[in-house]
Amino acid sequence: MPHRITIHERRIKESFITLTIVFLLVLVGFAYQIHKNRQLARQGQEAHDGLCVFKADLEARYGNGLEFIRSHPAGIPGVPVTVLRNSLNNQKATLESLAALDCVPPPKEK
């Protein structure tokens, strides 16, 4: 004689299957969110590193520009000192806007 599934047993099985599917969907959602968070963190780090490279380069250019103006106070033929000073002022303004950027200097080579 075959075993008959009662309505109660059937509802329990259906509920179990439904809960299992819901649990798996939630688990997949969490896994996807973790993946997206890691991806965003990696992109944020790449952007930070790129801005730090830009900041270091600009600091070097600004320092070189100051030295150049000290050694050429009247400018150079075809480029008046006002043009050079305007360029330095723009670089300084950019550096000031990057002041909050926390960059670790690269290790010095031995």
PDB file of N, CA and C in Angstrom:
ATOM      1  N   MET A   1       0.831  -1.165   0.000  1.00  0.00           N
ATOM      2  CA  MET A   1       0.000   0.000   0.000  1.00  0.00           C
ATOM      3  C   MET A   1       0.889   1.246   0.000  1.00  0.00           C
ATOM      4  N   PRO A   2       0.760   2.090  -1.006  1.00  0.00           N
ATOM      5  CA  PRO A   2       1.581   3.288  -1.098  1.00  0.00           C
ATOM      6  C   PRO A   2       1.238   4.279   0.015  1.00  0.00           C
ATOM      7  N   HIS A   3       2.286   4.984   0.407  1.00  0.00           N
ATOM      8  CA  HIS A   3       2.121   5.981   1.464  1.00  0.00           C
ATOM      9  C   HIS A   3       1.488   7.232   0.884  1.00  0.00           C
ATOM     10  N   ARG A   4       0.422   7.675   1.477  1.00  0.00           N
ATOM     11  CA  ARG A   4      -0.253   8.895   1.021  1.00  0.00           C
ATOM     12  C   ARG A   4       0.245  10.069   1.837  1.00  0.00           C
ATOM     13  N   ILE A   5       0.553  11.131   1.131  1.00  0.00           N
ATOM     14  CA  ILE A   5       1.006  12.342   1.782  1.00  0.00           C
ATOM     15  C   ILE A   5      -0.214  13.138   2.211  1.00  0.00           C
ATOM     16  N   THR A   6      -0.246  13.469   3.453  1.00  0.00           N
ATOM     17  CA  THR A   6      -1.374  14.248   3.956  1.00  0.00           C
ATOM     18  C   THR A   6      -1.196  15.703   3.530  1.00  0.00           C
ATOM     19  N   ILE A   7      -2.258  16.441   3.615  1.00  0.00           N
ATOM     20  CA  ILE A   7      -2.213  17.863   3.256  1.00  0.00           C
ATOM     21  C   ILE A   7      -1.219  18.586   4.158  1.00  0.00           C
ATOM     22  N   HIS A   8      -1.189  18.211   5.394  1.00  0.00           N
ATOM     23  CA  HIS A   8      -0.265  18.845   6.344  1.00  0.00           C
ATOM     24  C   HIS A   8       1.194  18.582   5.949  1.00  0.00           C
ATOM     25  N   GLU A   9       1.503  17.331   5.617  1.00  0.00           N
ATOM     26  CA  GLU A   9       2.870  16.989   5.200  1.00  0.00           C
ATOM     27  C   GLU A   9       3.239  17.718   3.908  1.00  0.00           C
ATOM     28  N   ARG A  10       2.298  17.823   3.004  1.00  0.00           N
ATOM     29  CA  ARG A  10       2.563  18.505   1.740  1.00  0.00           C
ATOM     30  C   ARG A  10       2.865  19.989   1.983  1.00  0.00           C
ATOM     31  N   ARG A  11       2.090  20.613   2.855  1.00  0.00           N
ATOM     32  CA  ARG A  11       2.324  22.028   3.164  1.00  0.00           C
ATOM     33  C   ARG A  11       3.682  22.224   3.845  1.00  0.00           C
ATOM     34  N   ILE A  12       4.062  21.289   4.684  1.00  0.00           N
ATOM     35  CA  ILE A  12       5.371  21.376   5.332  1.00  0.00           C
ATOM     36  C   ILE A  12       6.481  21.291   4.285  1.00  0.00           C
ATOM     37  N   LYS A  13       6.361  20.358   3.341  1.00  0.00           N
ATOM     38  CA  LYS A  13       7.365  20.222   2.281  1.00  0.00           C
ATOM     39  C   LYS A  13       7.405  21.469   1.401  1.00  0.00           C
ATOM     40  N   GLU A  14       6.251  21.990   1.036  1.00  0.00           N
ATOM     41  CA  GLU A  14       6.205  23.203   0.212  1.00  0.00           C
ATOM     42  C   GLU A  14       6.819  24.390   0.951  1.00  0.00           C
ATOM     43  N   SER A  15       6.521  24.494   2.228  1.00  0.00           N
ATOM     44  CA  SER A  15       7.099  25.578   3.031  1.00  0.00           C
ATOM     45  C   SER A  15       8.609  25.436   3.117  1.00  0.00           C
ATOM     46  N   PHE A  16       9.080  24.215   3.315  1.00  0.00           N
ATOM     47  CA  PHE A  16      10.520  23.970   3.384  1.00  0.00           C
ATOM     48  C   PHE A  16      11.198  24.346   2.065  1.00  0.00           C
ATOM     49  N   ILE A  17      10.619  23.944   0.955  1.00  0.00           N
ATOM     50  CA  ILE A  17      11.182  24.265  -0.359  1.00  0.00           C
ATOM     51  C   ILE A  17      11.173  25.777  -0.575  1.00  0.00           C
ATOM     52  N   THR A  18      10.082  26.436  -0.223  1.00  0.00           N
ATOM     53  CA  THR A  18       9.981  27.880  -0.377  1.00  0.00           C
ATOM     54  C   THR A  18      11.036  28.591   0.472  1.00  0.00           C
ATOM     55  N   LEU A  19      11.158  28.181   1.730  1.00  0.00           N
ATOM     56  CA  LEU A  19      12.154  28.788   2.611  1.00  0.00           C
ATOM     57  C   LEU A  19      13.582  28.540   2.124  1.00  0.00           C
ATOM     58  N   THR A  20      13.816  27.369   1.580  1.00  0.00           N
ATOM     59  CA  THR A  20      15.141  27.060   1.037  1.00  0.00           C
ATOM     60  C   THR A  20      15.454  27.964  -0.147  1.00  0.00           C
ATOM     61  N   ILE A  21      14.493  28.159  -1.026  1.00  0.00           N
ATOM     62  CA  ILE A  21      14.691  29.034  -2.184  1.00  0.00           C
ATOM     63  C   ILE A  21      14.933  30.475  -1.730  1.00  0.00           C
ATOM     64  N   VAL A  22      14.147  30.945  -0.791  1.00  0.00           N
ATOM     65  CA  VAL A  22      14.317  32.302  -0.268  1.00  0.00           C
ATOM     66  C   VAL A  22      15.702  32.451   0.364  1.00  0.00           C
ATOM     67  N   PHE A  23      16.109  31.465   1.162  1.00  0.00           N
ATOM     68  CA  PHE A  23      17.423  31.493   1.800  1.00  0.00           C
ATOM     69  C   PHE A  23      18.531  31.559   0.749  1.00  0.00           C
ATOM     70  N   LEU A  24      18.419  30.753  -0.293  1.00  0.00           N
ATOM     71  CA  LEU A  24      19.438  30.756  -1.345  1.00  0.00           C
ATOM     72  C   LEU A  24      19.474  32.093  -2.079  1.00  0.00           C
ATOM     73  N   LEU A  25      18.314  32.680  -2.332  1.00  0.00           N
ATOM     74  CA  LEU A  25      18.273  33.989  -2.983  1.00  0.00           C
ATOM     75  C   LEU A  25      18.923  35.062  -2.108  1.00  0.00           C
ATOM     76  N   VAL A  26      18.654  35.025  -0.811  1.00  0.00           N
ATOM     77  CA  VAL A  26      19.278  35.978   0.113  1.00  0.00           C
ATOM     78  C   VAL A  26      20.791  35.760   0.135  1.00  0.00           C
ATOM     79  N   LEU A  27      21.208  34.512   0.156  1.00  0.00           N
ATOM     80  CA  LEU A  27      22.636  34.191   0.158  1.00  0.00           C
ATOM     81  C   LEU A  27      23.315  34.709  -1.113  1.00  0.00           C
ATOM     82  N   VAL A  28      22.688  34.510  -2.253  1.00  0.00           N
ATOM     83  CA  VAL A  28      23.226  35.026  -3.515  1.00  0.00           C
ATOM     84  C   VAL A  28      23.276  36.550  -3.484  1.00  0.00           C
ATOM     85  N   GLY A  29      22.252  37.181  -2.931  1.00  0.00           N
ATOM     86  CA  GLY A  29      22.242  38.648  -2.809  1.00  0.00           C
ATOM     87  C   GLY A  29      23.382  39.150  -1.954  1.00  0.00           C
ATOM     88  N   PHE A  30      23.634  38.490  -0.834  1.00  0.00           N
ATOM     89  CA  PHE A  30      24.759  38.885   0.024  1.00  0.00           C
ATOM     90  C   PHE A  30      26.087  38.703  -0.700  1.00  0.00           C
ATOM     91  N   ALA A  31      26.242  37.594  -1.381  1.00  0.00           N
ATOM     92  CA  ALA A  31      27.489  37.344  -2.105  1.00  0.00           C
ATOM     93  C   ALA A  31      27.710  38.400  -3.187  1.00  0.00           C
ATOM     94  N   TYR A  32      26.655  38.758  -3.882  1.00  0.00           N
ATOM     95  CA  TYR A  32      26.758  39.787  -4.918  1.00  0.00           C
ATOM     96  C   TYR A  32      27.133  41.133  -4.293  1.00  0.00           C
ATOM     97  N   GLN A  33      26.527  41.471  -3.160  1.00  0.00           N
ATOM     98  CA  GLN A  33      26.822  42.742  -2.504  1.00  0.00           C
ATOM     99  C   GLN A  33      28.265  42.784  -2.006  1.00  0.00           C
ATOM    100  N   ILE A  34      28.753  41.686  -1.489  1.00  0.00           N
ATOM    101  CA  ILE A  34      30.156  41.621  -1.063  1.00  0.00           C
ATOM    102  C   ILE A  34      31.070  41.834  -2.258  1.00  0.00           C
ATOM    103  N   HIS A  35      30.757  41.201  -3.373  1.00  0.00           N
ATOM    104  CA  HIS A  35      31.549  41.376  -4.597  1.00  0.00           C
ATOM    105  C   HIS A  35      31.548  42.842  -5.033  1.00  0.00           C
ATOM    106  N   LYS A  36      30.380  43.479  -5.048  1.00  0.00           N
ATOM    107  CA  LYS A  36      30.286  44.886  -5.470  1.00  0.00           C
ATOM    108  C   LYS A  36      31.054  45.786  -4.508  1.00  0.00           C
ATOM    109  N   ASN A  37      30.971  45.525  -3.210  1.00  0.00           N
ATOM    110  CA  ASN A  37      31.706  46.338  -2.243  1.00  0.00           C
ATOM    111  C   ASN A  37      33.206  46.228  -2.446  1.00  0.00           C
ATOM    112  N   ARG A  38      33.683  45.018  -2.711  1.00  0.00           N
ATOM    113  CA  ARG A  38      35.121  44.838  -2.967  1.00  0.00           C
ATOM    114  C   ARG A  38      35.532  45.547  -4.254  1.00  0.00           C
ATOM    115  N   GLN A  39      34.684  45.471  -5.265  1.00  0.00           N
ATOM    116  CA  GLN A  39      34.973  46.126  -6.537  1.00  0.00           C
ATOM    117  C   GLN A  39      35.035  47.647  -6.343  1.00  0.00           C
ATOM    118  N   LEU A  40      34.095  48.209  -5.611  1.00  0.00           N
ATOM    119  CA  LEU A  40      34.094  49.654  -5.347  1.00  0.00           C
ATOM    120  C   LEU A  40      35.309  50.062  -4.521  1.00  0.00           C
ATOM    121  N   ALA A  41      35.683  49.249  -3.550  1.00  0.00           N
ATOM    122  CA  ALA A  41      36.863  49.552  -2.739  1.00  0.00           C
ATOM    123  C   ALA A  41      38.121  49.545  -3.607  1.00  0.00           C
ATOM    124  N   ARG A  42      38.217  48.589  -4.523  1.00  0.00           N
ATOM    125  CA  ARG A  42      39.373  48.507  -5.416  1.00  0.00           C
ATOM    126  C   ARG A  42      39.416  49.722  -6.349  1.00  0.00           C
ATOM    127  N   GLN A  43      38.269  50.107  -6.882  1.00  0.00           N
ATOM    128  CA  GLN A  43      38.222  51.281  -7.756  1.00  0.00           C
ATOM    129  C   GLN A  43      38.555  52.548  -6.985  1.00  0.00           C
ATOM    130  N   GLY A  44      38.080  52.637  -5.754  1.00  0.00           N
ATOM    131  CA  GLY A  44      38.397  53.794  -4.920  1.00  0.00           C
ATOM    132  C   GLY A  44      39.885  53.879  -4.636  1.00  0.00           C
ATOM    133  N   GLN A  45      40.509  52.727  -4.371  1.00  0.00           N
ATOM    134  CA  GLN A  45      41.955  52.714  -4.108  1.00  0.00           C
ATOM    135  C   GLN A  45      42.733  53.107  -5.360  1.00  0.00           C
ATOM    136  N   GLU A  46      42.287  52.637  -6.516  1.00  0.00           N
ATOM    137  CA  GLU A  46      42.961  52.998  -7.764  1.00  0.00           C
ATOM    138  C   GLU A  46      42.848  54.496  -8.027  1.00  0.00           C
ATOM    139  N   ALA A  47      41.686  55.080  -7.770  1.00  0.00           N
ATOM    140  CA  ALA A  47      41.500  56.521  -7.954  1.00  0.00           C
ATOM    141  C   ALA A  47      42.375  57.297  -6.970  1.00  0.00           C
ATOM    142  N   HIS A  48      42.420  56.838  -5.729  1.00  0.00           N
ATOM    143  CA  HIS A  48      43.253  57.479  -4.712  1.00  0.00           C
ATOM    144  C   HIS A  48      44.721  57.437  -5.122  1.00  0.00           C
ATOM    145  N   ASP A  49      45.181  56.270  -5.558  1.00  0.00           N
ATOM    146  CA  ASP A  49      46.576  56.135  -5.969  1.00  0.00           C
ATOM    147  C   ASP A  49      46.901  57.043  -7.152  1.00  0.00           C
ATOM    148  N   GLY A  50      45.975  57.132  -8.109  1.00  0.00           N
ATOM    149  CA  GLY A  50      46.186  58.006  -9.268  1.00  0.00           C
ATOM    150  C   GLY A  50      46.259  59.466  -8.862  1.00  0.00           C
ATOM    151  N   LEU A  51      45.389  59.888  -7.949  1.00  0.00           N
ATOM    152  CA  LEU A  51      45.434  61.274  -7.470  1.00  0.00           C
ATOM    153  C   LEU A  51      46.721  61.551  -6.706  1.00  0.00           C
ATOM    154  N   CYS A  52      47.215  60.568  -5.971  1.00  0.00           N
ATOM    155  CA  CYS A  52      48.471  60.759  -5.235  1.00  0.00           C
ATOM    156  C   CYS A  52      49.654  60.908  -6.191  1.00  0.00           C
ATOM    157  N   VAL A  53      49.651  60.155  -7.266  1.00  0.00           N
ATOM    158  CA  VAL A  53      50.709  60.294  -8.272  1.00  0.00           C
ATOM    159  C   VAL A  53      50.632  61.686  -8.901  1.00  0.00           C
ATOM    160  N   PHE A  54      49.424  62.122  -9.222  1.00  0.00           N
ATOM    161  CA  PHE A  54      49.220  63.465  -9.794  1.00  0.00           C
ATOM    162  C   PHE A  54      49.702  64.539  -8.817  1.00  0.00           C
ATOM    163  N   LYS A  55      49.367  64.386  -7.546  1.00  0.00           N
ATOM    164  CA  LYS A  55      49.762  65.362  -6.528  1.00  0.00           C
ATOM    165  C   LYS A  55      51.284  65.423  -6.391  1.00  0.00           C
ATOM    166  N   ALA A  56      51.931  64.278  -6.348  1.00  0.00           N
ATOM    167  CA  ALA A  56      53.399  64.245  -6.225  1.00  0.00           C
ATOM    168  C   ALA A  56      54.060  64.899  -7.435  1.00  0.00           C
ATOM    169  N   ASP A  57      53.549  64.616  -8.618  1.00  0.00           N
ATOM    170  CA  ASP A  57      54.100  65.222  -9.829  1.00  0.00           C
ATOM    171  C   ASP A  57      53.911  66.738  -9.808  1.00  0.00           C
ATOM    172  N   LEU A  58      52.734  67.178  -9.393  1.00  0.00           N
ATOM    173  CA  LEU A  58      52.452  68.606  -9.353  1.00  0.00           C
ATOM    174  C   LEU A  58      53.314  69.307  -8.310  1.00  0.00           C
ATOM    175  N   GLU A  59      53.544  68.648  -7.172  1.00  0.00           N
ATOM    176  CA  GLU A  59      54.426  69.225  -6.158  1.00  0.00           C
ATOM    177  C   GLU A  59      55.837  69.417  -6.709  1.00  0.00           C
ATOM    178  N   ALA A  60      56.312  68.431  -7.447  1.00  0.00           N
ATOM    179  CA  ALA A  60      57.650  68.534  -8.050  1.00  0.00           C
ATOM    180  C   ALA A  60      57.688  69.655  -9.087  1.00  0.00           C
ATOM    181  N   ARG A  61      56.676  69.733  -9.934  1.00  0.00           N
ATOM    182  CA  ARG A  61      56.631  70.786 -10.957  1.00  0.00           C
ATOM    183  C   ARG A  61      56.543  72.166 -10.318  1.00  0.00           C
ATOM    184  N   TYR A  62      55.758  72.277  -9.257  1.00  0.00           N
ATOM    185  CA  TYR A  62      55.615  73.561  -8.565  1.00  0.00           C
ATOM    186  C   TYR A  62      56.961  73.989  -7.953  1.00  0.00           C
ATOM    187  N   GLY A  63      57.629  73.061  -7.312  1.00  0.00           N
ATOM    188  CA  GLY A  63      58.950  73.357  -6.740  1.00  0.00           C
ATOM    189  C   GLY A  63      59.948  73.762  -7.809  1.00  0.00           C
ATOM    190  N   ASN A  64      59.953  73.053  -8.924  1.00  0.00           N
ATOM    191  CA  ASN A  64      60.852  73.398 -10.037  1.00  0.00           C
ATOM    192  C   ASN A  64      60.504  74.766 -10.614  1.00  0.00           C
ATOM    193  N   GLY A  65      59.209  75.071 -10.682  1.00  0.00           N
ATOM    194  CA  GLY A  65      58.780  76.381 -11.199  1.00  0.00           C
ATOM    195  C   GLY A  65      59.236  77.519 -10.305  1.00  0.00           C
ATOM    196  N   LEU A  66      59.146  77.315  -8.983  1.00  0.00           N
ATOM    197  CA  LEU A  66      59.627  78.340  -8.053  1.00  0.00           C
ATOM    198  C   LEU A  66      61.131  78.570  -8.222  1.00  0.00           C
ATOM    199  N   GLU A  67      61.875  77.492  -8.338  1.00  0.00           N
ATOM    200  CA  GLU A  67      63.324  77.614  -8.560  1.00  0.00           C
ATOM    201  C   GLU A  67      63.616  78.335  -9.873  1.00  0.00           C
ATOM    202  N   PHE A  68      62.839  78.022 -10.898  1.00  0.00           N
ATOM    203  CA  PHE A  68      63.056  78.652 -12.205  1.00  0.00           C
ATOM    204  C   PHE A  68      62.817  80.157 -12.118  1.00  0.00           C
ATOM    205  N   ILE A  69      61.750  80.574 -11.436  1.00  0.00           N
ATOM    206  CA  ILE A  69      61.460  82.014 -11.318  1.00  0.00           C
ATOM    207  C   ILE A  69      62.535  82.710 -10.487  1.00  0.00           C
ATOM    208  N   ARG A  70      63.053  82.036  -9.477  1.00  0.00           N
ATOM    209  CA  ARG A  70      64.134  82.635  -8.682  1.00  0.00           C
ATOM    210  C   ARG A  70      65.373  82.871  -9.541  1.00  0.00           C
ATOM    211  N   SER A  71      65.654  81.935 -10.428  1.00  0.00           N
ATOM    212  CA  SER A  71      66.845  82.086 -11.272  1.00  0.00           C
ATOM    213  C   SER A  71      66.573  82.916 -12.528  1.00  0.00           C
ATOM    214  N   HIS A  72      65.307  83.167 -12.861  1.00  0.00           N
ATOM    215  CA  HIS A  72      64.936  83.987 -14.024  1.00  0.00           C
ATOM    216  C   HIS A  72      63.837  84.971 -13.597  1.00  0.00           C
ATOM    217  N   PRO A  73      64.161  85.945 -12.756  1.00  0.00           N
ATOM    218  CA  PRO A  73      63.137  86.836 -12.210  1.00  0.00           C
ATOM    219  C   PRO A  73      62.408  87.676 -13.258  1.00  0.00           C
ATOM    220  N   ALA A  74      62.985  87.848 -14.431  1.00  0.00           N
ATOM    221  CA  ALA A  74      62.337  88.629 -15.486  1.00  0.00           C
ATOM    222  C   ALA A  74      61.650  87.742 -16.517  1.00  0.00           C
ATOM    223  N   GLY A  75      61.645  86.458 -16.263  1.00  0.00           N
ATOM    224  CA  GLY A  75      61.082  85.534 -17.243  1.00  0.00           C
ATOM    225  C   GLY A  75      62.134  85.138 -18.253  1.00  0.00           C
ATOM    226  N   ILE A  76      61.690  84.634 -19.383  1.00  0.00           N
ATOM    227  CA  ILE A  76      62.603  84.281 -20.474  1.00  0.00           C
ATOM    228  C   ILE A  76      62.067  84.910 -21.750  1.00  0.00           C
ATOM    229  N   PRO A  77      62.921  85.048 -22.769  1.00  0.00           N
ATOM    230  CA  PRO A  77      62.436  85.667 -24.009  1.00  0.00           C
ATOM    231  C   PRO A  77      61.181  84.980 -24.539  1.00  0.00           C
ATOM    232  N   GLY A  78      60.144  85.774 -24.729  1.00  0.00           N
ATOM    233  CA  GLY A  78      58.893  85.263 -25.269  1.00  0.00           C
ATOM    234  C   GLY A  78      57.904  84.804 -24.199  1.00  0.00           C
ATOM    235  N   VAL A  79      58.371  84.650 -22.956  1.00  0.00           N
ATOM    236  CA  VAL A  79      57.489  84.221 -21.868  1.00  0.00           C
ATOM    237  C   VAL A  79      57.723  85.157 -20.681  1.00  0.00           C
ATOM    238  N   PRO A  80      56.849  86.150 -20.516  1.00  0.00           N
ATOM    239  CA  PRO A  80      57.030  87.086 -19.406  1.00  0.00           C
ATOM    240  C   PRO A  80      56.818  86.397 -18.050  1.00  0.00           C
ATOM    241  N   VAL A  81      57.390  86.972 -17.012  1.00  0.00           N
ATOM    242  CA  VAL A  81      57.310  86.390 -15.677  1.00  0.00           C
ATOM    243  C   VAL A  81      55.863  86.303 -15.192  1.00  0.00           C
ATOM    244  N   THR A  82      54.976  87.174 -15.666  1.00  0.00           N
ATOM    245  CA  THR A  82      53.564  87.106 -15.243  1.00  0.00           C
ATOM    246  C   THR A  82      52.909  85.802 -15.692  1.00  0.00           C
ATOM    247  N   VAL A  83      53.260  85.339 -16.866  1.00  0.00           N
ATOM    248  CA  VAL A  83      52.725  84.059 -17.362  1.00  0.00           C
ATOM    249  C   VAL A  83      53.220  82.919 -16.472  1.00  0.00           C
ATOM    250  N   LEU A  84      54.507  82.971 -16.119  1.00  0.00           N
ATOM    251  CA  LEU A  84      55.076  81.934 -15.265  1.00  0.00           C
ATOM    252  C   LEU A  84      54.428  81.966 -13.870  1.00  0.00           C
ATOM    253  N   ARG A  85      54.232  83.169 -13.343  1.00  0.00           N
ATOM    254  CA  ARG A  85      53.607  83.299 -12.020  1.00  0.00           C
ATOM    255  C   ARG A  85      52.141  82.822 -12.049  1.00  0.00           C
ATOM    256  N   ASN A  86      51.428  83.134 -13.118  1.00  0.00           N
ATOM    257  CA  ASN A  86      50.039  82.659 -13.237  1.00  0.00           C
ATOM    258  C   ASN A  86      49.987  81.130 -13.249  1.00  0.00           C
ATOM    259  N   SER A  87      50.926  80.537 -13.967  1.00  0.00           N
ATOM    260  CA  SER A  87      50.982  79.080 -14.011  1.00  0.00           C
ATOM    261  C   SER A  87      51.263  78.518 -12.620  1.00  0.00           C
ATOM    262  N   LEU A  88      52.203  79.135 -11.904  1.00  0.00           N
ATOM    263  CA  LEU A  88      52.502  78.678 -10.547  1.00  0.00           C
ATOM    264  C   LEU A  88      51.319  78.873  -9.606  1.00  0.00           C
ATOM    265  N   ASN A  89      50.609  79.982  -9.762  1.00  0.00           N
ATOM    266  CA  ASN A  89      49.425  80.221  -8.933  1.00  0.00           C
ATOM    267  C   ASN A  89      48.354  79.161  -9.174  1.00  0.00           C
ATOM    268  N   ASN A  90      48.177  78.771 -10.426  1.00  0.00           N
ATOM    269  CA  ASN A  90      47.212  77.709 -10.749  1.00  0.00           C
ATOM    270  C   ASN A  90      47.648  76.375 -10.146  1.00  0.00           C
ATOM    271  N   GLN A  91      48.940  76.084 -10.239  1.00  0.00           N
ATOM    272  CA  GLN A  91      49.447  74.845  -9.652  1.00  0.00           C
ATOM    273  C   GLN A  91      49.262  74.852  -8.131  1.00  0.00           C
ATOM    274  N   LYS A  92      49.537  76.007  -7.518  1.00  0.00           N
ATOM    275  CA  LYS A  92      49.377  76.120  -6.068  1.00  0.00           C
ATOM    276  C   LYS A  92      47.911  75.917  -5.670  1.00  0.00           C
ATOM    277  N   ALA A  93      46.990  76.500  -6.422  1.00  0.00           N
ATOM    278  CA  ALA A  93      45.563  76.334  -6.130  1.00  0.00           C
ATOM    279  C   ALA A  93      45.159  74.866  -6.242  1.00  0.00           C
ATOM    280  N   THR A  94      45.680  74.185  -7.229  1.00  0.00           N
ATOM    281  CA  THR A  94      45.378  72.761  -7.387  1.00  0.00           C
ATOM    282  C   THR A  94      45.949  71.963  -6.223  1.00  0.00           C
ATOM    283  N   LEU A  95      47.176  72.291  -5.824  1.00  0.00           N
ATOM    284  CA  LEU A  95      47.783  71.604  -4.681  1.00  0.00           C
ATOM    285  C   LEU A  95      46.988  71.854  -3.400  1.00  0.00           C
ATOM    286  N   GLU A  96      46.481  73.064  -3.236  1.00  0.00           N
ATOM    287  CA  GLU A  96      45.669  73.365  -2.052  1.00  0.00           C
ATOM    288  C   GLU A  96      44.375  72.556  -2.060  1.00  0.00           C
ATOM    289  N   SER A  97      43.807  72.346  -3.237  1.00  0.00           N
ATOM    290  CA  SER A  97      42.578  71.545  -3.302  1.00  0.00           C
ATOM    291  C   SER A  97      42.858  70.070  -3.043  1.00  0.00           C
ATOM    292  N   LEU A  98      44.099  69.655  -3.234  1.00  0.00           N
ATOM    293  CA  LEU A  98      44.479  68.263  -2.971  1.00  0.00           C
ATOM    294  C   LEU A  98      45.090  68.087  -1.579  1.00  0.00           C
ATOM    295  N   ALA A  99      45.104  69.151  -0.789  1.00  0.00           N
ATOM    296  CA  ALA A  99      45.763  69.102   0.525  1.00  0.00           C
ATOM    297  C   ALA A  99      45.152  68.053   1.443  1.00  0.00           C
ATOM    298  N   ALA A 100      43.866  67.834   1.352  1.00  0.00           N
ATOM    299  CA  ALA A 100      43.204  66.861   2.231  1.00  0.00           C
ATOM    300  C   ALA A 100      43.497  65.418   1.830  1.00  0.00           C
ATOM    301  N   LEU A 101      44.063  65.233   0.650  1.00  0.00           N
ATOM    302  CA  LEU A 101      44.369  63.889   0.159  1.00  0.00           C
ATOM    303  C   LEU A 101      45.553  63.333   0.939  1.00  0.00           C
ATOM    304  N   ASP A 102      45.333  62.236   1.636  1.00  0.00           N
ATOM    305  CA  ASP A 102      46.364  61.622   2.468  1.00  0.00           C
ATOM    306  C   ASP A 102      47.149  60.617   1.613  1.00  0.00           C
ATOM    307  N   CYS A 103      48.348  61.016   1.239  1.00  0.00           N
ATOM    308  CA  CYS A 103      49.189  60.162   0.399  1.00  0.00           C
ATOM    309  C   CYS A 103      50.434  59.746   1.177  1.00  0.00           C
ATOM    310  N   VAL A 104      50.713  58.469   1.128  1.00  0.00           N
ATOM    311  CA  VAL A 104      51.935  57.954   1.747  1.00  0.00           C
ATOM    312  C   VAL A 104      53.043  58.057   0.719  1.00  0.00           C
ATOM    313  N   PRO A 105      54.164  58.723   1.074  1.00  0.00           N
ATOM    314  CA  PRO A 105      55.239  58.821   0.081  1.00  0.00           C
ATOM    315  C   PRO A 105      55.800  57.449  -0.246  1.00  0.00           C
ATOM    316  N   PRO A 106      56.229  57.267  -1.487  1.00  0.00           N
ATOM    317  CA  PRO A 106      56.790  55.970  -1.870  1.00  0.00           C
ATOM    318  C   PRO A 106      58.086  55.728  -1.105  1.00  0.00           C
ATOM    319  N   PRO A 107      58.426  54.458  -0.860  1.00  0.00           N
ATOM    320  CA  PRO A 107      59.673  54.175  -0.148  1.00  0.00           C
ATOM    321  C   PRO A 107      60.875  54.629  -0.973  1.00  0.00           C
ATOM    322  N   LYS A 108      61.868  55.153  -0.271  1.00  0.00           N
ATOM    323  CA  LYS A 108      63.073  55.633  -0.961  1.00  0.00           C
ATOM    324  C   LYS A 108      63.942  54.449  -1.332  1.00  0.00           C
ATOM    325  N   GLU A 109      64.503  54.548  -2.536  1.00  0.00           N
ATOM    326  CA  GLU A 109      65.380  53.472  -3.001  1.00  0.00           C
ATOM    327  C   GLU A 109      66.725  53.588  -2.322  1.00  0.00           C
ATOM    328  N   LYS A 110      67.330  52.444  -2.045  1.00  0.00           N
ATOM    329  CA  LYS A 110      68.633  52.434  -1.363  1.00  0.00           C
ATOM    330  C   LYS A 110      69.753  52.425  -2.362  1.00  0.00           C
TER     331      LYS A 110
END
